N, C-alpha and C. Protein backbone atom coordinates (compact mmCIF):
# COMPACT_ATOMS: atom_id res chain seq x y z
N MET A 1 -1.81 62.31 -27.02
CA MET A 1 -1.14 61.73 -25.82
C MET A 1 -1.48 60.89 -25.03
N ILE A 2 -2.71 61.56 -24.48
CA ILE A 2 -3.72 61.32 -23.50
C ILE A 2 -4.21 59.78 -23.85
N PRO A 3 -4.70 59.53 -25.08
CA PRO A 3 -4.98 58.13 -25.52
C PRO A 3 -3.91 57.20 -25.17
N VAL A 4 -3.23 57.49 -25.67
CA VAL A 4 -2.08 56.13 -25.99
C VAL A 4 -1.66 55.89 -23.91
N ILE A 5 -1.81 57.14 -23.18
CA ILE A 5 -1.58 56.88 -21.97
C ILE A 5 -2.92 56.02 -21.39
N ILE A 6 -3.74 56.19 -21.73
CA ILE A 6 -5.00 55.50 -21.24
C ILE A 6 -5.24 54.14 -21.79
N ILE A 7 -4.41 53.70 -22.71
CA ILE A 7 -4.28 52.47 -23.58
C ILE A 7 -3.18 51.85 -22.76
N VAL A 8 -2.09 52.26 -22.44
CA VAL A 8 -1.21 51.80 -21.54
C VAL A 8 -1.49 51.44 -20.16
N VAL A 9 -2.44 52.21 -19.56
CA VAL A 9 -2.95 51.98 -18.00
C VAL A 9 -4.16 50.85 -18.22
N VAL A 10 -4.49 50.89 -19.51
CA VAL A 10 -5.80 49.52 -19.17
C VAL A 10 -4.69 48.83 -19.55
N LEU A 11 -3.90 48.71 -20.40
CA LEU A 11 -3.21 47.23 -20.53
C LEU A 11 -2.59 46.90 -19.59
N ILE A 12 -1.95 47.69 -18.65
CA ILE A 12 -1.04 47.16 -17.54
C ILE A 12 -2.31 46.62 -16.37
N ILE A 13 -3.35 47.38 -16.38
CA ILE A 13 -4.30 46.74 -15.35
C ILE A 13 -5.19 45.56 -16.02
N LEU A 14 -5.30 45.11 -17.30
CA LEU A 14 -5.58 43.92 -17.66
C LEU A 14 -4.33 42.81 -17.28
N LEU A 15 -3.17 43.10 -17.77
CA LEU A 15 -2.13 42.46 -17.27
C LEU A 15 -2.35 41.75 -15.75
N GLY A 16 -2.26 42.97 -15.08
CA GLY A 16 -2.23 42.73 -13.52
C GLY A 16 -3.49 41.56 -13.02
N LEU A 17 -4.84 41.93 -13.94
CA LEU A 17 -5.78 41.23 -13.24
C LEU A 17 -5.74 39.80 -14.03
N PHE A 18 -4.94 39.45 -15.00
CA PHE A 18 -4.53 38.44 -15.66
C PHE A 18 -3.73 37.50 -14.62
N ALA A 19 -2.67 38.18 -14.32
CA ALA A 19 -1.56 37.58 -13.53
C ALA A 19 -2.57 37.30 -11.93
N MET A 20 -3.02 38.01 -11.71
CA MET A 20 -3.57 37.77 -10.66
C MET A 20 -4.65 36.24 -10.58
N THR A 21 -5.18 36.35 -11.47
CA THR A 21 -6.07 35.40 -12.04
C THR A 21 -5.46 34.25 -11.99
N ALA A 22 -4.12 34.32 -12.71
CA ALA A 22 -3.31 32.61 -12.74
C ALA A 22 -2.96 32.52 -11.30
N LEU A 23 -2.41 33.48 -10.65
CA LEU A 23 -2.04 32.94 -9.24
C LEU A 23 -2.96 32.38 -8.52
N ASN A 24 -4.29 33.04 -8.67
CA ASN A 24 -5.47 32.41 -7.95
C ASN A 24 -5.73 30.86 -8.59
N LYS A 25 -5.22 30.84 -9.71
CA LYS A 25 -5.83 29.41 -10.22
C LYS A 25 -5.08 28.44 -9.82
N LEU A 26 -3.65 28.79 -9.68
CA LEU A 26 -2.49 27.95 -9.46
C LEU A 26 -2.60 27.45 -7.96
N ARG A 27 -2.65 28.44 -6.96
CA ARG A 27 -3.00 28.34 -5.63
C ARG A 27 -4.27 27.46 -5.27
N GLY A 28 -5.42 27.97 -6.20
CA GLY A 28 -6.63 27.31 -5.81
C GLY A 28 -6.45 25.24 -6.17
N GLN A 29 -5.74 25.43 -6.95
CA GLN A 29 -5.64 23.99 -7.48
C GLN A 29 -4.88 23.28 -6.20
N ARG A 30 -3.92 24.09 -6.03
CA ARG A 30 -2.74 23.31 -4.86
C ARG A 30 -3.78 23.03 -3.73
N VAL A 31 -4.71 24.07 -3.17
CA VAL A 31 -5.51 23.88 -2.34
C VAL A 31 -6.27 22.73 -2.27
N SER A 32 -6.98 22.48 -3.61
CA SER A 32 -7.58 21.17 -3.94
C SER A 32 -6.59 19.81 -3.57
N VAL A 33 -5.41 19.95 -3.96
CA VAL A 33 -4.99 18.73 -3.96
C VAL A 33 -4.40 18.58 -2.46
N ASP A 34 -4.23 19.61 -1.49
CA ASP A 34 -3.91 19.43 -0.29
C ASP A 34 -5.21 19.04 0.50
N GLU A 35 -6.29 19.54 0.01
CA GLU A 35 -7.68 18.84 0.48
C GLU A 35 -7.79 17.18 0.36
N ALA A 36 -7.45 16.92 -1.01
CA ALA A 36 -7.79 15.69 -1.13
C ALA A 36 -7.05 14.47 -0.59
N MET A 37 -5.57 15.23 0.20
CA MET A 37 -4.65 14.44 0.64
C MET A 37 -5.23 14.55 2.18
N ALA A 38 -6.43 15.49 2.73
CA ALA A 38 -6.65 15.57 3.76
C ALA A 38 -7.74 14.26 3.81
N GLY A 39 -8.27 14.18 2.58
CA GLY A 39 -9.34 12.98 2.60
C GLY A 39 -8.81 11.49 2.55
N ILE A 40 -7.97 11.60 2.02
CA ILE A 40 -7.16 9.82 2.11
C ILE A 40 -6.46 10.12 3.68
N ASP A 41 -6.06 11.11 4.12
CA ASP A 41 -5.44 10.93 5.78
C ASP A 41 -7.06 10.73 6.66
N VAL A 42 -8.30 11.20 6.50
CA VAL A 42 -9.45 10.81 7.22
C VAL A 42 -9.62 9.17 7.04
N GLN A 43 -9.55 9.00 5.82
CA GLN A 43 -9.95 7.55 5.76
C GLN A 43 -8.68 6.40 6.13
N LEU A 44 -7.69 6.91 6.40
CA LEU A 44 -6.47 6.12 7.15
C LEU A 44 -6.53 6.10 8.28
N THR A 45 -7.13 7.25 8.71
CA THR A 45 -7.24 7.21 10.56
C THR A 45 -8.06 6.64 10.90
N ARG A 46 -9.29 6.53 9.74
CA ARG A 46 -10.67 5.69 10.32
C ARG A 46 -10.16 4.31 10.10
N ARG A 47 -9.65 3.82 9.23
CA ARG A 47 -9.20 2.33 9.35
C ARG A 47 -8.45 2.01 10.55
N ALA A 48 -6.95 2.84 10.73
CA ALA A 48 -6.13 2.54 11.63
C ALA A 48 -7.13 2.76 13.16
N ASP A 49 -8.25 3.48 13.19
CA ASP A 49 -9.27 3.30 14.68
C ASP A 49 -9.88 1.77 14.30
N LEU A 50 -10.35 1.55 13.28
CA LEU A 50 -10.92 0.15 13.37
C LEU A 50 -9.79 -1.08 13.80
N ILE A 51 -8.87 -0.66 13.42
CA ILE A 51 -7.74 -2.07 13.47
C ILE A 51 -7.84 -2.33 14.87
N PRO A 52 -7.56 -1.69 16.27
CA PRO A 52 -7.54 -2.05 17.81
C PRO A 52 -9.00 -2.91 17.72
N ASN A 53 -9.66 -2.45 17.37
CA ASN A 53 -10.96 -3.53 17.97
C ASN A 53 -11.13 -4.99 16.93
N LEU A 54 -10.54 -5.20 15.73
CA LEU A 54 -10.33 -6.12 14.93
C LEU A 54 -9.39 -6.91 15.69
N VAL A 55 -8.21 -6.63 16.04
CA VAL A 55 -7.24 -7.18 16.64
C VAL A 55 -7.96 -7.98 18.16
N GLU A 56 -8.65 -6.85 18.62
CA GLU A 56 -9.00 -7.40 19.73
C GLU A 56 -10.18 -8.48 19.84
N THR A 57 -11.08 -8.20 18.77
CA THR A 57 -12.21 -9.40 18.23
C THR A 57 -11.16 -10.50 17.89
N VAL A 58 -10.66 -10.53 17.48
CA VAL A 58 -9.68 -11.61 16.86
C VAL A 58 -8.87 -12.43 17.63
N LYS A 59 -8.11 -11.72 18.44
CA LYS A 59 -7.40 -12.55 19.58
C LYS A 59 -7.69 -13.56 20.23
N GLY A 60 -8.80 -13.54 20.74
CA GLY A 60 -9.24 -14.84 21.38
C GLY A 60 -9.83 -16.26 20.53
N TYR A 61 -9.66 -15.84 18.86
CA TYR A 61 -10.06 -16.88 18.48
C TYR A 61 -8.63 -17.20 17.67
N MET A 62 -7.79 -16.56 17.34
CA MET A 62 -6.34 -16.95 16.76
C MET A 62 -5.44 -16.76 17.76
N SER A 63 -5.67 -17.44 19.00
CA SER A 63 -4.47 -17.36 19.68
C SER A 63 -3.14 -17.85 19.42
N HIS A 64 -3.13 -18.86 18.20
CA HIS A 64 -1.87 -19.10 17.21
C HIS A 64 -1.57 -18.25 16.42
N GLU A 65 -1.88 -17.22 15.88
CA GLU A 65 -1.73 -16.38 14.86
C GLU A 65 -1.24 -15.38 15.16
N ALA A 66 -0.21 -14.98 16.30
CA ALA A 66 0.18 -13.86 17.01
C ALA A 66 0.90 -12.99 16.33
N GLY A 67 1.71 -13.85 15.16
CA GLY A 67 2.62 -13.12 14.35
C GLY A 67 1.75 -11.99 13.04
N THR A 68 0.44 -12.76 12.92
CA THR A 68 -0.34 -11.75 11.99
C THR A 68 -0.94 -10.64 12.56
N LEU A 69 -1.45 -10.81 13.91
CA LEU A 69 -1.97 -9.96 14.58
C LEU A 69 -0.77 -8.56 14.92
N GLU A 70 0.43 -8.95 15.32
CA GLU A 70 1.09 -8.35 15.37
C GLU A 70 1.65 -7.27 14.12
N ALA A 71 1.69 -8.26 12.77
CA ALA A 71 1.79 -7.59 11.42
C ALA A 71 0.74 -6.13 11.46
N VAL A 72 -0.38 -6.69 11.40
CA VAL A 72 -1.80 -5.55 11.54
C VAL A 72 -1.13 -4.34 12.32
N THR A 73 -0.98 -4.68 13.77
CA THR A 73 -0.49 -3.48 14.55
C THR A 73 0.69 -2.56 14.28
N ALA A 74 1.11 -3.09 13.66
CA ALA A 74 2.55 -2.61 12.76
C ALA A 74 2.17 -1.97 12.09
N ALA A 75 1.72 -2.71 11.25
CA ALA A 75 1.07 -1.44 9.75
C ALA A 75 0.35 -0.63 10.40
N ARG A 76 -0.43 -0.35 11.66
CA ARG A 76 -1.19 0.29 11.73
C ARG A 76 -0.42 1.66 12.09
N SER A 77 0.55 1.43 13.08
CA SER A 77 1.65 2.34 13.45
C SER A 77 2.41 3.01 12.38
N ALA A 78 2.61 2.05 11.55
CA ALA A 78 3.57 2.85 10.29
C ALA A 78 2.68 3.72 9.52
N THR A 79 1.34 3.44 9.63
CA THR A 79 0.54 4.50 8.86
C THR A 79 0.10 5.71 9.77
N GLN A 80 0.15 5.88 10.94
CA GLN A 80 0.13 6.67 11.98
C GLN A 80 1.23 7.75 11.98
N GLN A 81 2.40 7.00 11.52
CA GLN A 81 3.69 7.59 11.37
C GLN A 81 4.26 8.66 10.21
N ALA A 82 3.13 8.04 8.87
CA ALA A 82 3.50 8.59 7.70
C ALA A 82 3.49 10.26 7.68
N ASN A 83 4.18 10.61 7.06
CA ASN A 83 4.18 11.99 6.76
C ASN A 83 3.85 12.52 5.12
N THR A 84 4.50 11.66 4.44
CA THR A 84 4.93 12.41 3.02
C THR A 84 3.96 11.14 1.81
N VAL A 85 3.66 11.62 1.12
CA VAL A 85 2.66 10.90 0.29
C VAL A 85 3.39 9.57 0.25
N GLY A 86 4.41 9.40 -0.37
CA GLY A 86 5.11 8.27 -0.56
C GLY A 86 5.25 7.34 0.76
N GLU A 87 5.36 8.16 1.71
CA GLU A 87 5.38 7.34 2.81
C GLU A 87 3.69 6.55 3.44
N LYS A 88 3.03 7.59 2.94
CA LYS A 88 1.51 7.20 3.32
C LYS A 88 1.19 6.22 2.35
N ALA A 89 1.61 6.09 1.25
CA ALA A 89 1.17 4.88 -0.09
C ALA A 89 1.91 3.54 0.53
N ALA A 90 2.96 3.77 0.85
CA ALA A 90 3.50 2.69 1.12
C ALA A 90 3.25 1.94 2.74
N ALA A 91 2.90 2.66 3.64
CA ALA A 91 2.36 2.07 4.56
C ALA A 91 0.80 1.81 4.44
N ASP A 92 0.05 2.13 3.47
CA ASP A 92 -0.96 1.86 3.28
C ASP A 92 -1.30 0.53 2.58
N ALA A 93 -0.34 0.35 1.73
CA ALA A 93 0.35 -1.21 1.03
C ALA A 93 0.33 -1.96 2.28
N ILE A 94 1.00 -1.55 3.29
CA ILE A 94 1.40 -2.76 4.22
C ILE A 94 0.13 -3.19 4.85
N THR A 95 -0.41 -2.15 5.00
CA THR A 95 -2.11 -2.29 6.14
C THR A 95 -2.71 -2.96 5.33
N ARG A 96 -2.90 -2.62 4.26
CA ARG A 96 -3.71 -3.66 3.18
C ARG A 96 -3.64 -4.86 3.28
N GLN A 97 -2.27 -5.25 3.28
CA GLN A 97 -1.76 -6.74 2.78
C GLN A 97 -2.02 -7.16 4.44
N ALA A 98 -1.56 -6.40 5.25
CA ALA A 98 -1.65 -7.22 7.02
C ALA A 98 -3.35 -7.68 7.00
N LEU A 99 -4.22 -6.55 6.91
CA LEU A 99 -5.57 -6.90 7.01
C LEU A 99 -6.12 -8.07 5.75
N ALA A 100 -5.53 -8.16 4.55
CA ALA A 100 -5.65 -9.41 3.98
C ALA A 100 -5.42 -10.64 4.63
N ASN A 101 -4.12 -10.56 5.23
CA ASN A 101 -3.81 -11.60 6.09
C ASN A 101 -4.63 -12.09 7.03
N VAL A 102 -5.32 -11.36 7.85
CA VAL A 102 -5.82 -11.43 8.92
C VAL A 102 -7.28 -12.09 8.23
N PHE A 103 -7.80 -11.76 7.46
CA PHE A 103 -9.13 -12.28 6.77
C PHE A 103 -8.75 -13.42 6.10
N ALA A 104 -7.66 -13.82 5.56
CA ALA A 104 -7.09 -15.03 5.00
C ALA A 104 -7.61 -16.22 6.07
N VAL A 105 -6.43 -15.65 7.16
CA VAL A 105 -6.43 -17.01 8.69
C VAL A 105 -7.49 -17.07 9.13
N ALA A 106 -8.53 -16.00 9.35
CA ALA A 106 -9.82 -15.77 9.43
C ALA A 106 -10.67 -17.12 8.96
N GLU A 107 -10.49 -17.23 7.87
CA GLU A 107 -10.94 -18.23 7.09
C GLU A 107 -11.20 -19.76 7.59
N ALA A 108 -9.99 -19.94 8.86
CA ALA A 108 -10.23 -21.18 9.16
C ALA A 108 -10.41 -21.57 10.71
N TYR A 109 -11.42 -20.17 10.89
CA TYR A 109 -11.82 -19.98 12.43
C TYR A 109 -13.47 -19.92 12.06
N PRO A 110 -14.10 -20.84 11.74
CA PRO A 110 -15.51 -20.95 11.69
C PRO A 110 -16.33 -20.07 12.84
N GLU A 111 -16.02 -20.21 14.08
CA GLU A 111 -16.39 -19.38 15.01
C GLU A 111 -16.19 -17.73 14.74
N LEU A 112 -15.14 -17.75 14.20
CA LEU A 112 -14.85 -15.95 14.27
C LEU A 112 -15.17 -15.45 13.24
N LYS A 113 -15.60 -15.93 11.86
CA LYS A 113 -16.17 -16.09 10.99
C LYS A 113 -17.83 -15.54 11.02
N ALA A 114 -18.49 -16.82 12.22
CA ALA A 114 -19.66 -16.37 12.49
C ALA A 114 -20.00 -15.34 13.46
N SER A 115 -18.77 -14.37 13.99
CA SER A 115 -18.86 -13.74 15.27
C SER A 115 -19.56 -12.28 14.15
N THR A 116 -20.58 -11.88 15.42
CA THR A 116 -21.36 -10.50 14.73
C THR A 116 -19.93 -9.37 14.64
N ASN A 117 -19.41 -8.95 15.93
CA ASN A 117 -18.36 -8.44 16.26
C ASN A 117 -17.27 -8.54 14.48
N PHE A 118 -17.13 -9.42 14.45
CA PHE A 118 -15.87 -9.62 13.38
C PHE A 118 -16.87 -9.42 11.83
N GLN A 119 -18.15 -9.58 11.76
CA GLN A 119 -18.61 -9.31 10.52
C GLN A 119 -18.79 -7.89 10.11
N GLN A 120 -19.10 -7.42 11.71
CA GLN A 120 -19.70 -5.83 11.30
C GLN A 120 -18.12 -5.19 11.16
N LEU A 121 -17.07 -5.46 11.99
CA LEU A 121 -15.84 -4.82 11.48
C LEU A 121 -15.47 -5.05 10.07
N GLN A 122 -15.38 -6.29 9.45
CA GLN A 122 -15.18 -6.82 8.42
C GLN A 122 -15.74 -5.61 7.14
N SER A 123 -17.07 -5.63 7.57
CA SER A 123 -18.14 -4.91 6.55
C SER A 123 -17.38 -3.42 6.64
N GLU A 124 -17.06 -3.15 7.88
CA GLU A 124 -17.00 -1.58 8.03
C GLU A 124 -15.29 -1.34 7.58
N LEU A 125 -14.52 -2.13 7.84
CA LEU A 125 -13.13 -2.01 6.72
C LEU A 125 -13.40 -1.91 5.30
N ALA A 126 -14.05 -3.15 4.61
CA ALA A 126 -14.69 -3.00 3.59
C ALA A 126 -15.07 -1.96 2.88
N ARG A 127 -15.74 -0.98 3.50
CA ARG A 127 -16.80 -0.02 3.26
C ARG A 127 -15.48 1.17 3.31
N THR A 128 -14.63 1.45 4.53
CA THR A 128 -13.64 2.37 4.52
C THR A 128 -12.62 1.94 3.44
N GLU A 129 -12.04 1.01 2.91
CA GLU A 129 -11.17 0.49 1.85
C GLU A 129 -12.01 1.06 0.61
N ASP A 130 -13.12 0.95 0.05
CA ASP A 130 -13.82 1.38 -0.79
C ASP A 130 -13.80 2.99 -0.89
N GLN A 131 -13.77 3.74 0.44
CA GLN A 131 -13.60 5.31 0.65
C GLN A 131 -12.42 5.59 0.52
N LEU A 132 -11.15 4.77 0.50
CA LEU A 132 -9.95 5.40 0.98
C LEU A 132 -9.53 5.07 -0.75
N ALA A 133 -10.03 4.14 -1.57
CA ALA A 133 -9.75 3.76 -2.76
C ALA A 133 -10.48 5.21 -3.74
N PHE A 134 -11.80 5.65 -3.43
CA PHE A 134 -12.01 6.74 -3.93
C PHE A 134 -11.15 8.06 -3.48
N ALA A 135 -10.81 8.09 -2.22
CA ALA A 135 -10.13 9.43 -2.02
C ALA A 135 -8.91 9.64 -2.35
N ARG A 136 -8.05 8.39 -2.64
CA ARG A 136 -6.81 8.32 -3.60
C ARG A 136 -7.01 8.57 -5.27
N GLN A 137 -8.06 8.43 -5.41
CA GLN A 137 -8.59 8.57 -7.02
C GLN A 137 -8.63 9.95 -7.22
N PHE A 138 -9.36 10.76 -6.31
CA PHE A 138 -9.67 12.00 -6.33
C PHE A 138 -8.50 12.92 -5.89
N TYR A 139 -7.78 12.36 -4.85
CA TYR A 139 -6.51 12.90 -4.72
C TYR A 139 -5.24 13.18 -6.07
N ASN A 140 -5.10 12.11 -6.66
CA ASN A 140 -4.71 11.84 -8.19
C ASN A 140 -5.21 12.93 -8.89
N ASP A 141 -6.71 12.94 -9.30
CA ASP A 141 -7.19 13.65 -10.26
C ASP A 141 -6.88 15.27 -9.87
N ALA A 142 -6.55 15.41 -8.56
CA ALA A 142 -6.38 17.02 -8.28
C ALA A 142 -4.78 17.34 -8.66
N CYS A 143 -3.89 16.24 -8.22
CA CYS A 143 -2.65 16.30 -8.78
C CYS A 143 -2.72 16.17 -10.56
N ALA A 144 -3.07 15.37 -11.21
CA ALA A 144 -3.38 15.70 -12.54
C ALA A 144 -3.73 17.28 -12.90
N THR A 145 -4.85 17.49 -12.53
CA THR A 145 -5.20 18.63 -13.00
C THR A 145 -4.29 20.15 -12.52
N LEU A 146 -3.69 20.20 -11.63
CA LEU A 146 -2.45 20.84 -10.74
C LEU A 146 -1.32 20.92 -11.91
N ASN A 147 -0.97 19.53 -12.15
CA ASN A 147 0.48 19.40 -12.94
C ASN A 147 0.22 19.57 -14.29
N ARG A 148 -0.91 19.61 -14.92
CA ARG A 148 -1.52 19.96 -16.24
C ARG A 148 -1.46 21.41 -16.22
N THR A 149 -1.98 22.41 -15.60
CA THR A 149 -1.95 23.58 -15.63
C THR A 149 -0.63 24.05 -15.49
N MET A 150 0.14 23.65 -14.48
CA MET A 150 1.73 23.96 -14.37
C MET A 150 2.26 24.12 -15.63
N VAL A 151 1.91 23.45 -16.55
CA VAL A 151 2.93 22.96 -17.61
C VAL A 151 1.96 23.49 -19.07
N THR A 152 0.98 24.16 -18.89
CA THR A 152 0.11 24.73 -19.77
C THR A 152 0.58 26.40 -19.91
N ILE A 153 0.80 26.79 -21.14
CA ILE A 153 0.76 28.28 -21.39
C ILE A 153 -0.67 28.57 -21.25
N PRO A 154 -0.89 29.99 -20.96
CA PRO A 154 0.28 31.10 -20.12
C PRO A 154 0.30 30.70 -18.67
N TRP A 155 -0.24 29.54 -17.94
CA TRP A 155 -0.24 29.47 -16.60
C TRP A 155 1.37 28.96 -16.25
N SER A 156 2.03 28.32 -17.13
CA SER A 156 3.24 28.04 -16.62
C SER A 156 4.40 29.33 -16.33
N PHE A 157 3.57 30.32 -17.03
CA PHE A 157 4.64 31.56 -16.68
C PHE A 157 4.40 32.10 -15.18
N PHE A 158 3.39 31.56 -14.49
CA PHE A 158 3.28 32.10 -13.29
C PHE A 158 3.54 31.42 -11.99
N VAL A 159 3.90 29.91 -12.46
CA VAL A 159 4.42 29.10 -11.72
C VAL A 159 5.20 29.53 -10.33
N GLY A 160 6.72 29.73 -10.86
CA GLY A 160 7.77 30.34 -9.79
C GLY A 160 7.13 31.39 -9.15
N MET A 161 6.38 32.45 -9.74
CA MET A 161 6.15 33.37 -9.00
C MET A 161 4.82 33.07 -8.05
N SER A 162 4.20 31.87 -8.23
CA SER A 162 3.17 31.41 -7.29
C SER A 162 3.61 30.74 -6.04
N GLY A 163 4.52 30.13 -6.28
CA GLY A 163 5.46 29.37 -5.20
C GLY A 163 4.49 27.96 -4.72
N VAL A 164 4.01 27.30 -5.93
CA VAL A 164 3.36 25.94 -5.97
C VAL A 164 3.83 24.91 -6.42
N ASP A 165 4.41 24.01 -5.84
CA ASP A 165 5.17 22.79 -6.43
C ASP A 165 3.75 21.85 -6.82
N LYS A 166 4.54 21.22 -7.66
CA LYS A 166 3.83 19.73 -8.69
C LYS A 166 3.23 18.94 -7.47
N GLY A 167 2.07 18.57 -7.73
CA GLY A 167 1.24 17.43 -6.90
C GLY A 167 2.17 16.19 -7.41
N VAL A 168 2.32 15.37 -6.32
CA VAL A 168 3.18 13.72 -6.30
C VAL A 168 1.85 13.16 -6.17
N PHE A 169 1.98 11.95 -6.87
CA PHE A 169 0.84 11.30 -7.13
C PHE A 169 0.87 10.42 -5.91
N TYR A 170 -0.27 9.58 -5.96
CA TYR A 170 -0.29 8.64 -4.70
C TYR A 170 -0.17 7.27 -5.52
N ASP A 171 1.14 6.53 -5.62
CA ASP A 171 0.66 5.32 -6.09
C ASP A 171 0.95 4.40 -5.33
N ALA A 172 -0.55 3.89 -4.54
CA ALA A 172 -0.34 2.42 -3.95
C ALA A 172 -0.05 1.40 -4.88
N PRO A 173 1.06 0.52 -4.14
CA PRO A 173 1.36 -0.37 -5.01
C PRO A 173 0.16 -1.44 -5.22
N ASP A 174 0.50 -2.66 -6.04
CA ASP A 174 -0.71 -3.37 -6.16
C ASP A 174 -0.73 -4.47 -5.12
N ALA A 175 -1.99 -4.72 -4.72
CA ALA A 175 -1.92 -5.83 -3.34
C ALA A 175 -1.36 -7.14 -3.71
N ASN A 176 -0.82 -7.54 -5.02
CA ASN A 176 -0.12 -8.55 -5.13
C ASN A 176 1.25 -8.51 -4.83
N GLU A 177 1.58 -7.52 -5.14
CA GLU A 177 3.24 -6.91 -5.09
C GLU A 177 3.35 -7.15 -3.86
N ALA A 178 4.94 -7.46 -3.24
CA ALA A 178 5.54 -7.42 -1.76
C ALA A 178 5.43 -5.85 -1.61
N PRO A 179 5.07 -5.55 -0.37
CA PRO A 179 4.97 -4.38 0.08
C PRO A 179 6.37 -3.91 0.29
N PRO A 180 6.60 -2.68 0.22
CA PRO A 180 7.75 -1.84 0.20
C PRO A 180 8.27 -1.84 1.60
N THR A 181 9.67 -1.87 1.80
CA THR A 181 10.03 -1.90 3.18
C THR A 181 10.04 -0.46 3.62
N VAL A 182 9.22 0.04 4.83
CA VAL A 182 8.79 1.30 5.20
C VAL A 182 9.92 1.50 6.55
N SER A 183 10.61 2.72 6.25
CA SER A 183 11.45 3.16 7.80
C SER A 183 11.18 4.36 8.09
N PHE A 184 10.58 4.93 9.38
CA PHE A 184 10.50 6.26 9.87
C PHE A 184 11.64 6.93 10.18
N ASN A 185 12.88 6.07 10.73
CA ASN A 185 14.03 6.48 11.62
C ASN A 185 14.55 7.73 10.96
């Protein structure tokens, strides 16, 4: 009788340890997704912080291109107001398009292209875009790992108990596509 009780107690303890491991795995992967989103936020903020300097540098040269500069400023504002993954991705696409327009218009201003400030900002923005692309990929990889774990047995049995939601992928639209309309009202 005593060996049966010992076996049952050991099985209960092992089952409890396995459940604890499963919950920790799911929650840990959710933390990884949140950390990866924070990495995207850092790069979006970095780019948003560079935009006022770009606008000021360009303003003196591109006095006839006020609409282009206003679009960049509006895109920066949209990025700062974005809260969800979808809003951030949409605002990111709008900002990338607005910056591409500024650099395209800048081609018509040789003095601007030769400006040291403009060249430094362009270089810094290019570096930030590269880091942002890496951060988006890292985030999507973290989401994929979490989502795969959530649908895989035995971890899927613990999803409801863990309170972990699936990761939402950061789908940045192709730069050649028309950016989506974003409203934060």
